[in-house]
């Protein structure tokens, strides 16, 4: 089973979340993929849109 999650930022500023207990910065307008799904991801409260395996971080 493929657990890969793609996270895209539609924000004007950088967005910081935690992955495996470490802070990760998603640069404004960038895209990253996480190979092992969301089990180790903690998102601070924000607007987001979720479509299948794509999470879009909004302002």
PDB file of N, CA and C in Angstrom:
ATOM      1  N   UNK A   1       0.839  -1.186   0.000  1.00  0.00           N
ATOM      2  CA  UNK A   1       0.000   0.000   0.000  1.00  0.00           C
ATOM      3  C   UNK A   1       0.884   1.250   0.000  1.00  0.00           C
ATOM      4  N   UNK A   2       0.522   2.214  -0.825  1.00  0.00           N
ATOM      5  CA  UNK A   2       1.283   3.450  -0.942  1.00  0.00           C
ATOM      6  C   UNK A   2       0.750   4.476   0.046  1.00  0.00           C
ATOM      7  N   UNK A   3       1.564   4.865   1.032  1.00  0.00           N
ATOM      8  CA  UNK A   3       1.156   5.830   2.047  1.00  0.00           C
ATOM      9  C   UNK A   3       1.698   7.220   1.769  1.00  0.00           C
ATOM     10  N   UNK A   4       2.297   7.448   0.613  1.00  0.00           N
ATOM     11  CA  UNK A   4       2.925   8.736   0.327  1.00  0.00           C
ATOM     12  C   UNK A   4       1.898   9.860   0.338  1.00  0.00           C
ATOM     13  N   UNK A   5       2.230  10.945   1.036  1.00  0.00           N
ATOM     14  CA  UNK A   5       1.396  12.128   1.132  1.00  0.00           C
ATOM     15  C   UNK A   5       2.169  13.297   0.525  1.00  0.00           C
ATOM     16  N   UNK A   6       1.509  14.097  -0.286  1.00  0.00           N
ATOM     17  CA  UNK A   6       2.103  15.303  -0.841  1.00  0.00           C
ATOM     18  C   UNK A   6       1.468  16.504  -0.153  1.00  0.00           C
ATOM     19  N   UNK A   7       2.301  17.460   0.252  1.00  0.00           N
ATOM     20  CA  UNK A   7       1.828  18.666   0.928  1.00  0.00           C
ATOM     21  C   UNK A   7       2.250  19.862   0.088  1.00  0.00           C
ATOM     22  N   UNK A   8       1.266  20.695  -0.259  1.00  0.00           N
ATOM     23  CA  UNK A   8       1.532  21.880  -1.078  1.00  0.00           C
ATOM     24  C   UNK A   8       1.134  23.124  -0.293  1.00  0.00           C
ATOM     25  N   UNK A   9       1.963  24.145  -0.341  1.00  0.00           N
ATOM     26  CA  UNK A   9       1.664  25.396   0.336  1.00  0.00           C
ATOM     27  C   UNK A   9       1.144  26.425  -0.653  1.00  0.00           C
ATOM     28  N   UNK A  10      -0.055  26.960  -0.380  1.00  0.00           N
ATOM     29  CA  UNK A  10      -0.593  28.084  -1.150  1.00  0.00           C
ATOM     30  C   UNK A  10      -0.459  29.375  -0.351  1.00  0.00           C
ATOM     31  N   UNK A  11       0.360  29.354   0.685  1.00  0.00           N
ATOM     32  CA  UNK A  11       0.520  30.496   1.578  1.00  0.00           C
ATOM     33  C   UNK A  11       1.523  31.498   1.021  1.00  0.00           C
ATOM     34  N   UNK A  12       1.454  32.728   1.537  1.00  0.00           N
ATOM     35  CA  UNK A  12       2.403  33.783   1.188  1.00  0.00           C
ATOM     36  C   UNK A  12       3.640  33.746   2.089  1.00  0.00           C
ATOM     37  N   UNK A  13       3.540  33.007   3.206  1.00  0.00           N
ATOM     38  CA  UNK A  13       4.661  32.902   4.140  1.00  0.00           C
ATOM     39  C   UNK A  13       4.965  31.432   4.407  1.00  0.00           C
ATOM     40  N   UNK A  14       6.106  31.169   5.018  1.00  0.00           N
ATOM     41  CA  UNK A  14       6.508  29.798   5.324  1.00  0.00           C
ATOM     42  C   UNK A  14       5.590  29.198   6.387  1.00  0.00           C
ATOM     43  N   UNK A  15       5.468  27.883   6.379  1.00  0.00           N
ATOM     44  CA  UNK A  15       4.594  27.151   7.298  1.00  0.00           C
ATOM     45  C   UNK A  15       5.440  26.091   7.986  1.00  0.00           C
ATOM     46  N   UNK A  16       5.405  26.050   9.314  1.00  0.00           N
ATOM     47  CA  UNK A  16       6.200  25.090  10.072  1.00  0.00           C
ATOM     48  C   UNK A  16       5.287  24.063  10.724  1.00  0.00           C
ATOM     49  N   UNK A  17       5.627  22.784  10.546  1.00  0.00           N
ATOM     50  CA  UNK A  17       4.897  21.689  11.184  1.00  0.00           C
ATOM     51  C   UNK A  17       5.912  20.702  11.744  1.00  0.00           C
ATOM     52  N   UNK A  18       5.437  19.708  12.473  1.00  0.00           N
ATOM     53  CA  UNK A  18       6.360  18.734  13.050  1.00  0.00           C
ATOM     54  C   UNK A  18       6.252  17.396  12.330  1.00  0.00           C
ATOM     55  N   UNK A  19       7.412  16.805  12.085  1.00  0.00           N
ATOM     56  CA  UNK A  19       7.506  15.472  11.492  1.00  0.00           C
ATOM     57  C   UNK A  19       8.486  14.667  12.322  1.00  0.00           C
ATOM     58  N   UNK A  20       8.000  13.591  12.905  1.00  0.00           N
ATOM     59  CA  UNK A  20       8.797  12.732  13.791  1.00  0.00           C
ATOM     60  C   UNK A  20       9.435  13.538  14.917  1.00  0.00           C
ATOM     61  N   UNK A  21       8.674  14.503  15.457  1.00  0.00           N
ATOM     62  CA  UNK A  21       9.131  15.301  16.586  1.00  0.00           C
ATOM     63  C   UNK A  21      10.057  16.448  16.249  1.00  0.00           C
ATOM     64  N   UNK A  22      10.372  16.631  14.979  1.00  0.00           N
ATOM     65  CA  UNK A  22      11.263  17.706  14.539  1.00  0.00           C
ATOM     66  C   UNK A  22      10.471  18.750  13.750  1.00  0.00           C
ATOM     67  N   UNK A  23      10.838  20.017  13.885  1.00  0.00           N
ATOM     68  CA  UNK A  23      10.211  21.073  13.101  1.00  0.00           C
ATOM     69  C   UNK A  23      10.664  20.991  11.649  1.00  0.00           C
ATOM     70  N   UNK A  24       9.703  21.110  10.737  1.00  0.00           N
ATOM     71  CA  UNK A  24       9.966  21.126   9.303  1.00  0.00           C
ATOM     72  C   UNK A  24       9.323  22.390   8.748  1.00  0.00           C
ATOM     73  N   UNK A  25      10.046  23.136   7.932  1.00  0.00           N
ATOM     74  CA  UNK A  25       9.503  24.349   7.335  1.00  0.00           C
ATOM     75  C   UNK A  25       9.174  24.089   5.874  1.00  0.00           C
ATOM     76  N   UNK A  26       7.894  24.331   5.550  1.00  0.00           N
ATOM     77  CA  UNK A  26       7.430  24.248   4.174  1.00  0.00           C
ATOM     78  C   UNK A  26       7.444  25.674   3.629  1.00  0.00           C
ATOM     79  N   UNK A  27       8.332  25.932   2.691  1.00  0.00           N
ATOM     80  CA  UNK A  27       8.492  27.282   2.145  1.00  0.00           C
ATOM     81  C   UNK A  27       7.228  27.699   1.403  1.00  0.00           C
ATOM     82  N   UNK A  28       6.937  28.981   1.411  1.00  0.00           N
ATOM     83  CA  UNK A  28       5.761  29.517   0.732  1.00  0.00           C
ATOM     84  C   UNK A  28       5.760  29.086  -0.732  1.00  0.00           C
ATOM     85  N   UNK A  29       4.645  28.522  -1.193  1.00  0.00           N
ATOM     86  CA  UNK A  29       4.506  28.117  -2.582  1.00  0.00           C
ATOM     87  C   UNK A  29       5.210  26.836  -2.973  1.00  0.00           C
ATOM     88  N   UNK A  30       5.742  26.081  -2.018  1.00  0.00           N
ATOM     89  CA  UNK A  30       6.492  24.877  -2.375  1.00  0.00           C
ATOM     90  C   UNK A  30       5.679  23.604  -2.125  1.00  0.00           C
ATOM     91  N   UNK A  31       6.258  22.489  -2.552  1.00  0.00           N
ATOM     92  CA  UNK A  31       5.622  21.176  -2.430  1.00  0.00           C
ATOM     93  C   UNK A  31       6.641  20.212  -1.841  1.00  0.00           C
ATOM     94  N   UNK A  32       6.175  19.361  -0.907  1.00  0.00           N
ATOM     95  CA  UNK A  32       7.024  18.281  -0.397  1.00  0.00           C
ATOM     96  C   UNK A  32       6.207  16.998  -0.349  1.00  0.00           C
ATOM     97  N   UNK A  33       6.888  15.871  -0.333  1.00  0.00           N
ATOM     98  CA  UNK A  33       6.242  14.567  -0.186  1.00  0.00           C
ATOM     99  C   UNK A  33       6.790  13.880   1.045  1.00  0.00           C
ATOM    100  N   UNK A  34       5.908  13.158   1.725  1.00  0.00           N
ATOM    101  CA  UNK A  34       6.295  12.376   2.895  1.00  0.00           C
ATOM    102  C   UNK A  34       5.965  10.925   2.578  1.00  0.00           C
ATOM    103  N   UNK A  35       6.986  10.074   2.572  1.00  0.00           N
ATOM    104  CA  UNK A  35       6.847   8.703   2.101  1.00  0.00           C
ATOM    105  C   UNK A  35       5.997   7.814   3.008  1.00  0.00           C
ATOM    106  N   UNK A  36       6.007   8.068   4.311  1.00  0.00           N
ATOM    107  CA  UNK A  36       5.317   7.134   5.206  1.00  0.00           C
ATOM    108  C   UNK A  36       4.005   7.678   5.780  1.00  0.00           C
ATOM    109  N   UNK A  37       3.328   8.544   5.036  1.00  0.00           N
ATOM    110  CA  UNK A  37       2.005   9.008   5.418  1.00  0.00           C
ATOM    111  C   UNK A  37       2.005   9.987   6.572  1.00  0.00           C
ATOM    112  N   UNK A  38       0.844  10.137   7.190  1.00  0.00           N
ATOM    113  CA  UNK A  38       0.651  11.161   8.209  1.00  0.00           C
ATOM    114  C   UNK A  38       0.842  10.685   9.644  1.00  0.00           C
ATOM    115  N   UNK A  39       1.217   9.444   9.847  1.00  0.00           N
ATOM    116  CA  UNK A  39       1.319   8.904  11.200  1.00  0.00           C
ATOM    117  C   UNK A  39       2.264   9.698  12.096  1.00  0.00           C
ATOM    118  N   UNK A  40       3.295  10.308  11.535  1.00  0.00           N
ATOM    119  CA  UNK A  40       4.300  11.034  12.311  1.00  0.00           C
ATOM    120  C   UNK A  40       4.246  12.545  12.097  1.00  0.00           C
ATOM    121  N   UNK A  41       3.138  13.057  11.506  1.00  0.00           N
ATOM    122  CA  UNK A  41       3.014  14.475  11.170  1.00  0.00           C
ATOM    123  C   UNK A  41       2.036  15.156  12.116  1.00  0.00           C
ATOM    124  N   UNK A  42       2.412  16.356  12.602  1.00  0.00           N
ATOM    125  CA  UNK A  42       1.526  17.183  13.423  1.00  0.00           C
ATOM    126  C   UNK A  42       1.452  18.560  12.773  1.00  0.00           C
ATOM    127  N   UNK A  43       0.246  18.937  12.328  1.00  0.00           N
ATOM    128  CA  UNK A  43       0.030  20.244  11.717  1.00  0.00           C
ATOM    129  C   UNK A  43      -0.537  21.212  12.740  1.00  0.00           C
ATOM    130  N   UNK A  44       0.025  22.432  12.850  1.00  0.00           N
ATOM    131  CA  UNK A  44      -0.632  23.469  13.642  1.00  0.00           C
ATOM    132  C   UNK A  44      -1.963  23.815  12.959  1.00  0.00           C
ATOM    133  N   UNK A  45      -2.877  24.366  13.712  1.00  0.00           N
ATOM    134  CA  UNK A  45      -4.183  24.717  13.164  1.00  0.00           C
ATOM    135  C   UNK A  45      -4.032  25.706  12.015  1.00  0.00           C
ATOM    136  N   UNK A  46      -4.660  25.389  10.899  1.00  0.00           N
ATOM    137  CA  UNK A  46      -4.667  26.270   9.736  1.00  0.00           C
ATOM    138  C   UNK A  46      -5.768  25.795   8.799  1.00  0.00           C
ATOM    139  N   UNK A  47      -6.068  26.609   7.812  1.00  0.00           N
ATOM    140  CA  UNK A  47      -6.987  26.176   6.769  1.00  0.00           C
ATOM    141  C   UNK A  47      -6.234  25.249   5.845  1.00  0.00           C
ATOM    142  N   UNK A  48      -6.855  24.129   5.490  1.00  0.00           N
ATOM    143  CA  UNK A  48      -6.244  23.214   4.536  1.00  0.00           C
ATOM    144  C   UNK A  48      -7.331  22.508   3.751  1.00  0.00           C
ATOM    145  N   UNK A  49      -6.958  22.050   2.592  1.00  0.00           N
ATOM    146  CA  UNK A  49      -7.854  21.275   1.745  1.00  0.00           C
ATOM    147  C   UNK A  49      -7.197  19.922   1.533  1.00  0.00           C
ATOM    148  N   UNK A  50      -7.967  18.858   1.691  1.00  0.00           N
ATOM    149  CA  UNK A  50      -7.425  17.513   1.532  1.00  0.00           C
ATOM    150  C   UNK A  50      -8.137  16.824   0.377  1.00  0.00           C
ATOM    151  N   UNK A  51      -7.356  16.394  -0.617  1.00  0.00           N
ATOM    152  CA  UNK A  51      -7.881  15.695  -1.780  1.00  0.00           C
ATOM    153  C   UNK A  51      -7.044  14.440  -1.977  1.00  0.00           C
ATOM    154  N   UNK A  52      -7.611  13.296  -1.647  1.00  0.00           N
ATOM    155  CA  UNK A  52      -6.910  12.011  -1.717  1.00  0.00           C
ATOM    156  C   UNK A  52      -5.583  12.102  -0.960  1.00  0.00           C
ATOM    157  N   UNK A  53      -4.454  11.998  -1.649  1.00  0.00           N
ATOM    158  CA  UNK A  53      -3.141  12.042  -0.998  1.00  0.00           C
ATOM    159  C   UNK A  53      -2.458  13.394  -1.120  1.00  0.00           C
ATOM    160  N   UNK A  54      -3.231  14.462  -1.374  1.00  0.00           N
ATOM    161  CA  UNK A  54      -2.697  15.810  -1.470  1.00  0.00           C
ATOM    162  C   UNK A  54      -3.310  16.663  -0.372  1.00  0.00           C
ATOM    163  N   UNK A  55      -2.469  17.341   0.378  1.00  0.00           N
ATOM    164  CA  UNK A  55      -2.923  18.305   1.390  1.00  0.00           C
ATOM    165  C   UNK A  55      -2.447  19.668   0.936  1.00  0.00           C
ATOM    166  N   UNK A  56      -3.379  20.616   0.809  1.00  0.00           N
ATOM    167  CA  UNK A  56      -3.054  21.968   0.392  1.00  0.00           C
ATOM    168  C   UNK A  56      -3.191  22.875   1.611  1.00  0.00           C
ATOM    169  N   UNK A  57      -2.084  23.476   2.031  1.00  0.00           N
ATOM    170  CA  UNK A  57      -2.070  24.396   3.176  1.00  0.00           C
ATOM    171  C   UNK A  57      -2.460  25.779   2.679  1.00  0.00           C
ATOM    172  N   UNK A  58      -3.514  26.330   3.289  1.00  0.00           N
ATOM    173  CA  UNK A  58      -4.038  27.643   2.875  1.00  0.00           C
ATOM    174  C   UNK A  58      -3.624  28.699   3.891  1.00  0.00           C
ATOM    175  N   UNK A  59      -3.904  29.974   3.569  1.00  0.00           N
ATOM    176  CA  UNK A  59      -3.667  31.079   4.503  1.00  0.00           C
ATOM    177  C   UNK A  59      -4.592  30.978   5.686  1.00  0.00           C
TER     178      UNK A  59
END
